[in-house]
């Protein structure tokens, strides 16, 4: 390999943190043609992890490094959310969360690349594409070794859990998670609830927050939150909560703290 080509790859590797994926399309946009990328692979500088993505040869890359590439190189909103985000933020330490499963959220038109889905990250991935919340609110930065990625903040993560309930997320566990969120910023919660497009999520969130007797609940202006009309049957054969017009598991309504 020529000195110029070697200098170019050194410049590339010096500009990107270790433990992260490099998107082939992004590399091409940065002046590293697909032919040049092939030369780097043959020279053992880079190795493929699937069509459209590479990493440093022998580098240790987790799913976080792949999310980093999607966010910073692919300009996608895909991020760890739901119970995964709550675990990352230390808001679920008292629950036995399945660490071999990662929950990711993205926009309704954003697809998880094939290389991401096929690569063995050592854990299962559950990806949910939806726009029930705007993509740019309620997120926080998570430091992962020498780089950071955006993950759902606690309030957004709990709403994502409720969005998945009851089919993919247990409602009793949602309430246990809610009980641990005793210091959420009311202004941020208010904004998320006003922007949220899921009536089910908004009703469940308010019901659980009030049931958990969180002090921040008292600062919410529920008049500004569109809760829709009519009743919502969240679970079959559940208990009806008249105030919010939702049916919830009987054990939640009976055993939880009374509103």
C-alpha atoms as a PDB file:
ATOM      1  CA  UNK A   1       0.000   0.000   0.000  1.00  0.00           C
ATOM      2  CA  UNK A   2       1.305   3.427  -0.922  1.00  0.00           C
ATOM      3  CA  UNK A   3       2.274   5.977   1.717  1.00  0.00           C
ATOM      4  CA  UNK A   4      -0.582   8.268   0.630  1.00  0.00           C
ATOM      5  CA  UNK A   5      -3.161   5.507   0.979  1.00  0.00           C
ATOM      6  CA  UNK A   6      -1.690   4.478   4.321  1.00  0.00           C
ATOM      7  CA  UNK A   7      -1.788   8.075   5.534  1.00  0.00           C
ATOM      8  CA  UNK A   8      -5.418   8.359   4.460  1.00  0.00           C
ATOM      9  CA  UNK A   9      -6.520   5.296   6.408  1.00  0.00           C
ATOM     10  CA  UNK A  10      -4.606   6.504   9.460  1.00  0.00           C
ATOM     11  CA  UNK A  11      -6.404   9.829   9.220  1.00  0.00           C
ATOM     12  CA  UNK A  12      -9.745   8.021   9.004  1.00  0.00           C
ATOM     13  CA  UNK A  13      -9.096   5.743  11.960  1.00  0.00           C
ATOM     14  CA  UNK A  14      -7.807   8.652  13.995  1.00  0.00           C
ATOM     15  CA  UNK A  15     -11.003  10.607  13.419  1.00  0.00           C
ATOM     16  CA  UNK A  16     -13.408   7.894  14.540  1.00  0.00           C
ATOM     17  CA  UNK A  17     -13.559   6.375  18.043  1.00  0.00           C
ATOM     18  CA  UNK A  18     -12.674   2.745  18.547  1.00  0.00           C
ATOM     19  CA  UNK A  19     -15.524   0.343  19.137  1.00  0.00           C
ATOM     20  CA  UNK A  20     -17.717   1.893  16.443  1.00  0.00           C
ATOM     21  CA  UNK A  21     -18.995   0.841  13.037  1.00  0.00           C
ATOM     22  CA  UNK A  22     -18.179   2.680   9.818  1.00  0.00           C
ATOM     23  CA  UNK A  23     -20.915   2.937   7.192  1.00  0.00           C
ATOM     24  CA  UNK A  24     -19.665   2.263   3.674  1.00  0.00           C
ATOM     25  CA  UNK A  25     -21.912   4.974   2.209  1.00  0.00           C
ATOM     26  CA  UNK A  26     -20.601   7.508   4.719  1.00  0.00           C
ATOM     27  CA  UNK A  27     -17.011   6.532   3.950  1.00  0.00           C
ATOM     28  CA  UNK A  28     -17.676   7.086   0.248  1.00  0.00           C
ATOM     29  CA  UNK A  29     -19.069  10.546   1.007  1.00  0.00           C
ATOM     30  CA  UNK A  30     -15.891  11.318   2.957  1.00  0.00           C
ATOM     31  CA  UNK A  31     -13.738  10.501  -0.057  1.00  0.00           C
ATOM     32  CA  UNK A  32     -13.042   6.838   0.642  1.00  0.00           C
ATOM     33  CA  UNK A  33     -14.355   5.205  -2.523  1.00  0.00           C
ATOM     34  CA  UNK A  34     -15.742   1.684  -2.498  1.00  0.00           C
ATOM     35  CA  UNK A  35     -12.651   0.532  -4.411  1.00  0.00           C
ATOM     36  CA  UNK A  36     -10.435   2.086  -1.749  1.00  0.00           C
ATOM     37  CA  UNK A  37     -12.494   0.432   0.964  1.00  0.00           C
ATOM     38  CA  UNK A  38     -11.879  -2.921  -0.720  1.00  0.00           C
ATOM     39  CA  UNK A  39      -8.154  -2.231  -0.692  1.00  0.00           C
ATOM     40  CA  UNK A  40      -8.319  -1.476   3.031  1.00  0.00           C
ATOM     41  CA  UNK A  41     -10.063  -4.797   3.603  1.00  0.00           C
ATOM     42  CA  UNK A  42      -7.471  -6.708   1.597  1.00  0.00           C
ATOM     43  CA  UNK A  43      -4.712  -4.946   3.531  1.00  0.00           C
ATOM     44  CA  UNK A  44      -6.402  -5.991   6.784  1.00  0.00           C
ATOM     45  CA  UNK A  45      -7.126  -2.449   7.965  1.00  0.00           C
ATOM     46  CA  UNK A  46     -10.872  -2.936   7.866  1.00  0.00           C
ATOM     47  CA  UNK A  47     -13.176  -5.922   8.014  1.00  0.00           C
ATOM     48  CA  UNK A  48     -16.742  -6.244   6.826  1.00  0.00           C
ATOM     49  CA  UNK A  49     -19.586  -6.895   9.263  1.00  0.00           C
ATOM     50  CA  UNK A  50     -22.142  -7.156   6.485  1.00  0.00           C
ATOM     51  CA  UNK A  51     -23.078  -5.386   3.265  1.00  0.00           C
ATOM     52  CA  UNK A  52     -22.742  -1.645   3.841  1.00  0.00           C
ATOM     53  CA  UNK A  53     -20.721  -1.604   7.054  1.00  0.00           C
ATOM     54  CA  UNK A  54     -17.147  -2.213   8.242  1.00  0.00           C
ATOM     55  CA  UNK A  55     -15.109  -1.900  11.397  1.00  0.00           C
ATOM     56  CA  UNK A  56     -11.474  -1.829  12.350  1.00  0.00           C
ATOM     57  CA  UNK A  57      -9.930  -5.261  12.018  1.00  0.00           C
ATOM     58  CA  UNK A  58     -10.047  -7.105  15.360  1.00  0.00           C
ATOM     59  CA  UNK A  59     -11.860  -4.219  17.041  1.00  0.00           C
ATOM     60  CA  UNK A  60     -14.437  -5.050  19.704  1.00  0.00           C
ATOM     61  CA  UNK A  61     -17.733  -3.512  18.666  1.00  0.00           C
ATOM     62  CA  UNK A  62     -21.027  -3.814  20.529  1.00  0.00           C
ATOM     63  CA  UNK A  63     -24.482  -2.813  19.373  1.00  0.00           C
ATOM     64  CA  UNK A  64     -23.790   0.621  20.883  1.00  0.00           C
ATOM     65  CA  UNK A  65     -21.043   1.204  18.309  1.00  0.00           C
ATOM     66  CA  UNK A  66     -23.507   0.325  15.557  1.00  0.00           C
ATOM     67  CA  UNK A  67     -26.089   2.753  16.946  1.00  0.00           C
ATOM     68  CA  UNK A  68     -23.358   5.401  17.034  1.00  0.00           C
ATOM     69  CA  UNK A  69     -22.832   4.924  13.294  1.00  0.00           C
ATOM     70  CA  UNK A  70     -26.537   5.113  12.514  1.00  0.00           C
ATOM     71  CA  UNK A  71     -26.913   8.327  14.523  1.00  0.00           C
ATOM     72  CA  UNK A  72     -23.749  10.193  13.568  1.00  0.00           C
ATOM     73  CA  UNK A  73     -23.065   8.885  10.057  1.00  0.00           C
ATOM     74  CA  UNK A  74     -26.512   7.837   8.888  1.00  0.00           C
ATOM     75  CA  UNK A  75     -28.422  10.748  10.491  1.00  0.00           C
ATOM     76  CA  UNK A  76     -31.046   8.327  11.814  1.00  0.00           C
ATOM     77  CA  UNK A  77     -33.031   8.685  15.033  1.00  0.00           C
ATOM     78  CA  UNK A  78     -32.670   5.006  15.980  1.00  0.00           C
ATOM     79  CA  UNK A  79     -31.865   4.770  19.686  1.00  0.00           C
ATOM     80  CA  UNK A  80     -32.059   2.467  22.722  1.00  0.00           C
ATOM     81  CA  UNK A  81     -35.420   3.024  24.365  1.00  0.00           C
ATOM     82  CA  UNK A  82     -38.034   1.503  26.634  1.00  0.00           C
ATOM     83  CA  UNK A  83     -36.806  -0.813  29.367  1.00  0.00           C
ATOM     84  CA  UNK A  84     -33.318  -0.889  27.820  1.00  0.00           C
ATOM     85  CA  UNK A  85     -32.959   2.876  28.249  1.00  0.00           C
ATOM     86  CA  UNK A  86     -34.308   2.722  31.804  1.00  0.00           C
ATOM     87  CA  UNK A  87     -31.742   0.044  32.619  1.00  0.00           C
ATOM     88  CA  UNK A  88     -28.962   2.155  31.069  1.00  0.00           C
ATOM     89  CA  UNK A  89     -30.054   5.136  33.165  1.00  0.00           C
ATOM     90  CA  UNK A  90     -30.070   3.059  36.348  1.00  0.00           C
ATOM     91  CA  UNK A  91     -33.830   3.424  36.755  1.00  0.00           C
ATOM     92  CA  UNK A  92     -34.575  -0.286  36.722  1.00  0.00           C
ATOM     93  CA  UNK A  93     -31.938  -1.736  39.041  1.00  0.00           C
ATOM     94  CA  UNK A  94     -34.530  -3.340  41.284  1.00  0.00           C
ATOM     95  CA  UNK A  95     -36.081  -5.297  38.418  1.00  0.00           C
ATOM     96  CA  UNK A  96     -34.596  -8.312  36.721  1.00  0.00           C
ATOM     97  CA  UNK A  97     -34.437  -6.943  33.202  1.00  0.00           C
ATOM     98  CA  UNK A  98     -33.377  -9.205  30.365  1.00  0.00           C
ATOM     99  CA  UNK A  99     -29.944  -7.869  29.455  1.00  0.00           C
ATOM    100  CA  UNK A 100     -29.680 -10.313  26.553  1.00  0.00           C
ATOM    101  CA  UNK A 101     -32.394  -8.339  24.758  1.00  0.00           C
ATOM    102  CA  UNK A 102     -32.088  -4.759  23.533  1.00  0.00           C
ATOM    103  CA  UNK A 103     -35.069  -2.564  22.687  1.00  0.00           C
ATOM    104  CA  UNK A 104     -34.498   0.009  19.941  1.00  0.00           C
ATOM    105  CA  UNK A 105     -36.848   2.681  18.628  1.00  0.00           C
ATOM    106  CA  UNK A 106     -36.746   4.686  15.419  1.00  0.00           C
ATOM    107  CA  UNK A 107     -38.948   6.715  13.103  1.00  0.00           C
ATOM    108  CA  UNK A 108     -41.774   5.034  11.195  1.00  0.00           C
ATOM    109  CA  UNK A 109     -39.844   5.336   7.920  1.00  0.00           C
ATOM    110  CA  UNK A 110     -36.495   4.267   9.377  1.00  0.00           C
ATOM    111  CA  UNK A 111     -35.415   0.690   8.840  1.00  0.00           C
ATOM    112  CA  UNK A 112     -32.775  -1.183  10.787  1.00  0.00           C
ATOM    113  CA  UNK A 113     -30.095  -2.079   8.190  1.00  0.00           C
ATOM    114  CA  UNK A 114     -29.737  -5.742   7.247  1.00  0.00           C
ATOM    115  CA  UNK A 115     -26.128  -5.826   8.464  1.00  0.00           C
ATOM    116  CA  UNK A 116     -27.288  -4.584  11.865  1.00  0.00           C
ATOM    117  CA  UNK A 117     -29.984  -7.249  12.136  1.00  0.00           C
ATOM    118  CA  UNK A 118     -27.804 -10.110  10.903  1.00  0.00           C
ATOM    119  CA  UNK A 119     -24.624  -9.414  12.850  1.00  0.00           C
ATOM    120  CA  UNK A 120     -24.160 -11.336  16.086  1.00  0.00           C
ATOM    121  CA  UNK A 121     -24.102  -8.714  18.850  1.00  0.00           C
ATOM    122  CA  UNK A 122     -24.407 -11.364  21.521  1.00  0.00           C
ATOM    123  CA  UNK A 123     -28.008 -10.379  22.250  1.00  0.00           C
ATOM    124  CA  UNK A 124     -31.408 -10.222  20.610  1.00  0.00           C
ATOM    125  CA  UNK A 125     -32.709  -6.994  19.123  1.00  0.00           C
ATOM    126  CA  UNK A 126     -36.292  -5.749  19.237  1.00  0.00           C
ATOM    127  CA  UNK A 127     -36.759  -2.806  16.888  1.00  0.00           C
ATOM    128  CA  UNK A 128     -39.901  -0.668  16.818  1.00  0.00           C
ATOM    129  CA  UNK A 129     -40.460   1.958  14.131  1.00  0.00           C
ATOM    130  CA  UNK A 130     -43.010   4.563  15.201  1.00  0.00           C
ATOM    131  CA  UNK A 131     -43.696   8.292  15.345  1.00  0.00           C
ATOM    132  CA  UNK A 132     -45.968   8.350  18.382  1.00  0.00           C
ATOM    133  CA  UNK A 133     -43.389  10.761  19.833  1.00  0.00           C
ATOM    134  CA  UNK A 134     -41.296  13.300  17.878  1.00  0.00           C
ATOM    135  CA  UNK A 135     -37.826  11.933  17.220  1.00  0.00           C
ATOM    136  CA  UNK A 136     -35.895  14.827  18.742  1.00  0.00           C
ATOM    137  CA  UNK A 137     -37.369  15.283  22.226  1.00  0.00           C
ATOM    138  CA  UNK A 138     -36.897  13.522  25.541  1.00  0.00           C
ATOM    139  CA  UNK A 139     -33.491  12.074  24.687  1.00  0.00           C
ATOM    140  CA  UNK A 140     -30.241  12.157  26.633  1.00  0.00           C
ATOM    141  CA  UNK A 141     -26.567  11.414  25.899  1.00  0.00           C
ATOM    142  CA  UNK A 142     -25.099   8.144  27.163  1.00  0.00           C
ATOM    143  CA  UNK A 143     -21.321   7.852  27.425  1.00  0.00           C
ATOM    144  CA  UNK A 144     -20.066   4.502  26.134  1.00  0.00           C
ATOM    145  CA  UNK A 145     -16.308   4.224  26.706  1.00  0.00           C
ATOM    146  CA  UNK A 146     -14.853   6.763  24.271  1.00  0.00           C
ATOM    147  CA  UNK A 147     -18.014   7.819  22.459  1.00  0.00           C
ATOM    148  CA  UNK A 148     -21.611   8.695  23.252  1.00  0.00           C
ATOM    149  CA  UNK A 149     -25.009   7.908  21.772  1.00  0.00           C
ATOM    150  CA  UNK A 150     -28.497   9.261  22.262  1.00  0.00           C
ATOM    151  CA  UNK A 151     -30.872   7.163  24.364  1.00  0.00           C
ATOM    152  CA  UNK A 152     -34.355   7.832  25.646  1.00  0.00           C
ATOM    153  CA  UNK A 153     -34.516   9.848  28.841  1.00  0.00           C
ATOM    154  CA  UNK A 154     -36.488   8.312  31.709  1.00  0.00           C
ATOM    155  CA  UNK A 155     -39.860   9.902  30.890  1.00  0.00           C
ATOM    156  CA  UNK A 156     -39.693   9.064  27.192  1.00  0.00           C
ATOM    157  CA  UNK A 157     -38.467   5.537  27.961  1.00  0.00           C
ATOM    158  CA  UNK A 158     -41.443   4.878  30.229  1.00  0.00           C
ATOM    159  CA  UNK A 159     -43.791   6.151  27.512  1.00  0.00           C
ATOM    160  CA  UNK A 160     -42.114   3.770  25.069  1.00  0.00           C
ATOM    161  CA  UNK A 161     -42.736   0.924  27.507  1.00  0.00           C
ATOM    162  CA  UNK A 162     -46.405   1.894  27.662  1.00  0.00           C
ATOM    163  CA  UNK A 163     -46.537   2.103  23.871  1.00  0.00           C
ATOM    164  CA  UNK A 164     -45.449  -1.557  23.732  1.00  0.00           C
ATOM    165  CA  UNK A 165     -47.891  -2.653  26.442  1.00  0.00           C
ATOM    166  CA  UNK A 166     -49.556  -5.026  26.850  1.00  0.00           C
ATOM    167  CA  UNK A 167     -48.414  -7.059  23.823  1.00  0.00           C
ATOM    168  CA  UNK A 168     -44.660  -6.625  24.249  1.00  0.00           C
ATOM    169  CA  UNK A 169     -44.387  -5.122  27.716  1.00  0.00           C
ATOM    170  CA  UNK A 170     -46.037  -6.172  30.965  1.00  0.00           C
ATOM    171  CA  UNK A 171     -48.195  -3.424  32.482  1.00  0.00           C
ATOM    172  CA  UNK A 172     -47.437  -4.439  36.057  1.00  0.00           C
ATOM    173  CA  UNK A 173     -43.742  -4.029  35.317  1.00  0.00           C
ATOM    174  CA  UNK A 174     -44.502  -0.644  33.729  1.00  0.00           C
ATOM    175  CA  UNK A 175     -46.033   0.477  37.011  1.00  0.00           C
ATOM    176  CA  UNK A 176     -43.037  -0.799  38.988  1.00  0.00           C
ATOM    177  CA  UNK A 177     -40.806   1.202  36.668  1.00  0.00           C
ATOM    178  CA  UNK A 178     -43.030   4.255  37.072  1.00  0.00           C
ATOM    179  CA  UNK A 179     -42.771   3.993  40.859  1.00  0.00           C
ATOM    180  CA  UNK A 180     -39.022   4.488  40.563  1.00  0.00           C
ATOM    181  CA  UNK A 181     -39.332   7.728  38.564  1.00  0.00           C
ATOM    182  CA  UNK A 182     -39.814  10.072  41.494  1.00  0.00           C
ATOM    183  CA  UNK A 183     -37.745  13.003  40.201  1.00  0.00           C
ATOM    184  CA  UNK A 184     -38.862  13.616  36.628  1.00  0.00           C
ATOM    185  CA  UNK A 185     -38.816  17.270  35.457  1.00  0.00           C
ATOM    186  CA  UNK A 186     -42.496  18.319  35.172  1.00  0.00           C
ATOM    187  CA  UNK A 187     -41.833  20.643  32.221  1.00  0.00           C
ATOM    188  CA  UNK A 188     -40.269  17.859  30.180  1.00  0.00           C
ATOM    189  CA  UNK A 189     -43.041  15.423  31.070  1.00  0.00           C
ATOM    190  CA  UNK A 190     -45.630  18.055  30.113  1.00  0.00           C
ATOM    191  CA  UNK A 191     -43.965  18.618  26.738  1.00  0.00           C
ATOM    192  CA  UNK A 192     -43.752  14.892  25.992  1.00  0.00           C
ATOM    193  CA  UNK A 193     -47.386  14.323  26.896  1.00  0.00           C
ATOM    194  CA  UNK A 194     -48.535  17.267  24.782  1.00  0.00           C
ATOM    195  CA  UNK A 195     -46.518  16.028  21.796  1.00  0.00           C
ATOM    196  CA  UNK A 196     -47.421  12.353  22.244  1.00  0.00           C
ATOM    197  CA  UNK A 197     -49.862  11.051  19.602  1.00  0.00           C
ATOM    198  CA  UNK A 198     -50.903   7.890  21.457  1.00  0.00           C
ATOM    199  CA  UNK A 199     -54.006   8.349  23.615  1.00  0.00           C
ATOM    200  CA  UNK A 200     -53.352   4.983  25.259  1.00  0.00           C
ATOM    201  CA  UNK A 201     -49.853   6.028  26.317  1.00  0.00           C
ATOM    202  CA  UNK A 202     -50.989   9.385  27.699  1.00  0.00           C
ATOM    203  CA  UNK A 203     -53.841   7.936  29.723  1.00  0.00           C
ATOM    204  CA  UNK A 204     -51.735   5.102  31.140  1.00  0.00           C
ATOM    205  CA  UNK A 205     -48.851   7.428  31.961  1.00  0.00           C
ATOM    206  CA  UNK A 206     -51.034   9.867  33.877  1.00  0.00           C
ATOM    207  CA  UNK A 207     -52.910   7.070  35.628  1.00  0.00           C
ATOM    208  CA  UNK A 208     -49.693   5.402  36.795  1.00  0.00           C
ATOM    209  CA  UNK A 209     -48.014   8.671  37.778  1.00  0.00           C
ATOM    210  CA  UNK A 210     -50.973   9.660  39.921  1.00  0.00           C
ATOM    211  CA  UNK A 211     -51.253   6.165  41.356  1.00  0.00           C
ATOM    212  CA  UNK A 212     -47.569   6.255  42.320  1.00  0.00           C
ATOM    213  CA  UNK A 213     -48.220   9.581  44.083  1.00  0.00           C
ATOM    214  CA  UNK A 214     -45.261  11.336  42.470  1.00  0.00           C
ATOM    215  CA  UNK A 215     -44.962  14.969  43.530  1.00  0.00           C
ATOM    216  CA  UNK A 216     -44.123  16.080  39.971  1.00  0.00           C
ATOM    217  CA  UNK A 217     -47.554  14.893  38.845  1.00  0.00           C
ATOM    218  CA  UNK A 218     -49.127  17.811  40.718  1.00  0.00           C
ATOM    219  CA  UNK A 219     -47.310  20.286  38.455  1.00  0.00           C
ATOM    220  CA  UNK A 220     -48.747  18.875  35.225  1.00  0.00           C
ATOM    221  CA  UNK A 221     -51.449  20.809  33.401  1.00  0.00           C
ATOM    222  CA  UNK A 222     -53.660  17.956  32.206  1.00  0.00           C
ATOM    223  CA  UNK A 223     -56.061  20.412  30.539  1.00  0.00           C
ATOM    224  CA  UNK A 224     -53.429  20.948  27.851  1.00  0.00           C
ATOM    225  CA  UNK A 225     -53.032  17.209  27.179  1.00  0.00           C
ATOM    226  CA  UNK A 226     -55.375  15.721  24.576  1.00  0.00           C
ATOM    227  CA  UNK A 227     -56.681  12.482  26.078  1.00  0.00           C
ATOM    228  CA  UNK A 228     -59.174  11.802  23.316  1.00  0.00           C
ATOM    229  CA  UNK A 229     -62.720  10.644  23.834  1.00  0.00           C
ATOM    230  CA  UNK A 230     -64.362   7.370  24.730  1.00  0.00           C
ATOM    231  CA  UNK A 231     -63.037   4.418  26.666  1.00  0.00           C
ATOM    232  CA  UNK A 232     -59.914   2.430  25.772  1.00  0.00           C
ATOM    233  CA  UNK A 233     -59.738  -1.290  26.496  1.00  0.00           C
ATOM    234  CA  UNK A 234     -56.033  -1.826  27.140  1.00  0.00           C
ATOM    235  CA  UNK A 235     -56.448  -5.365  28.488  1.00  0.00           C
ATOM    236  CA  UNK A 236     -59.286  -7.875  28.300  1.00  0.00           C
ATOM    237  CA  UNK A 237     -61.316  -8.589  31.432  1.00  0.00           C
ATOM    238  CA  UNK A 238     -59.514  -5.791  33.247  1.00  0.00           C
ATOM    239  CA  UNK A 239     -60.673  -3.203  35.761  1.00  0.00           C
ATOM    240  CA  UNK A 240     -62.082   0.039  34.395  1.00  0.00           C
ATOM    241  CA  UNK A 241     -60.476   3.236  35.668  1.00  0.00           C
ATOM    242  CA  UNK A 242     -63.317   5.699  35.243  1.00  0.00           C
ATOM    243  CA  UNK A 243     -61.188   8.838  35.599  1.00  0.00           C
ATOM    244  CA  UNK A 244     -58.992   7.957  32.620  1.00  0.00           C
ATOM    245  CA  UNK A 245     -61.411   5.721  30.713  1.00  0.00           C
ATOM    246  CA  UNK A 246     -59.035   2.762  30.471  1.00  0.00           C
ATOM    247  CA  UNK A 247     -59.101  -0.866  31.493  1.00  0.00           C
ATOM    248  CA  UNK A 248     -56.001  -2.066  33.325  1.00  0.00           C
ATOM    249  CA  UNK A 249     -55.040  -5.407  34.897  1.00  0.00           C
ATOM    250  CA  UNK A 250     -57.196  -6.039  37.959  1.00  0.00           C
ATOM    251  CA  UNK A 251     -54.131  -6.740  40.096  1.00  0.00           C
ATOM    252  CA  UNK A 252     -52.760  -3.295  39.223  1.00  0.00           C
ATOM    253  CA  UNK A 253     -55.936  -1.455  40.194  1.00  0.00           C
ATOM    254  CA  UNK A 254     -56.519  -3.532  43.322  1.00  0.00           C
ATOM    255  CA  UNK A 255     -52.982  -3.923  44.663  1.00  0.00           C
ATOM    256  CA  UNK A 256     -51.446  -0.605  43.622  1.00  0.00           C
ATOM    257  CA  UNK A 257     -51.697   2.571  45.660  1.00  0.00           C
ATOM    258  CA  UNK A 258     -55.163   4.034  45.387  1.00  0.00           C
ATOM    259  CA  UNK A 259     -55.649   7.305  43.560  1.00  0.00           C
END
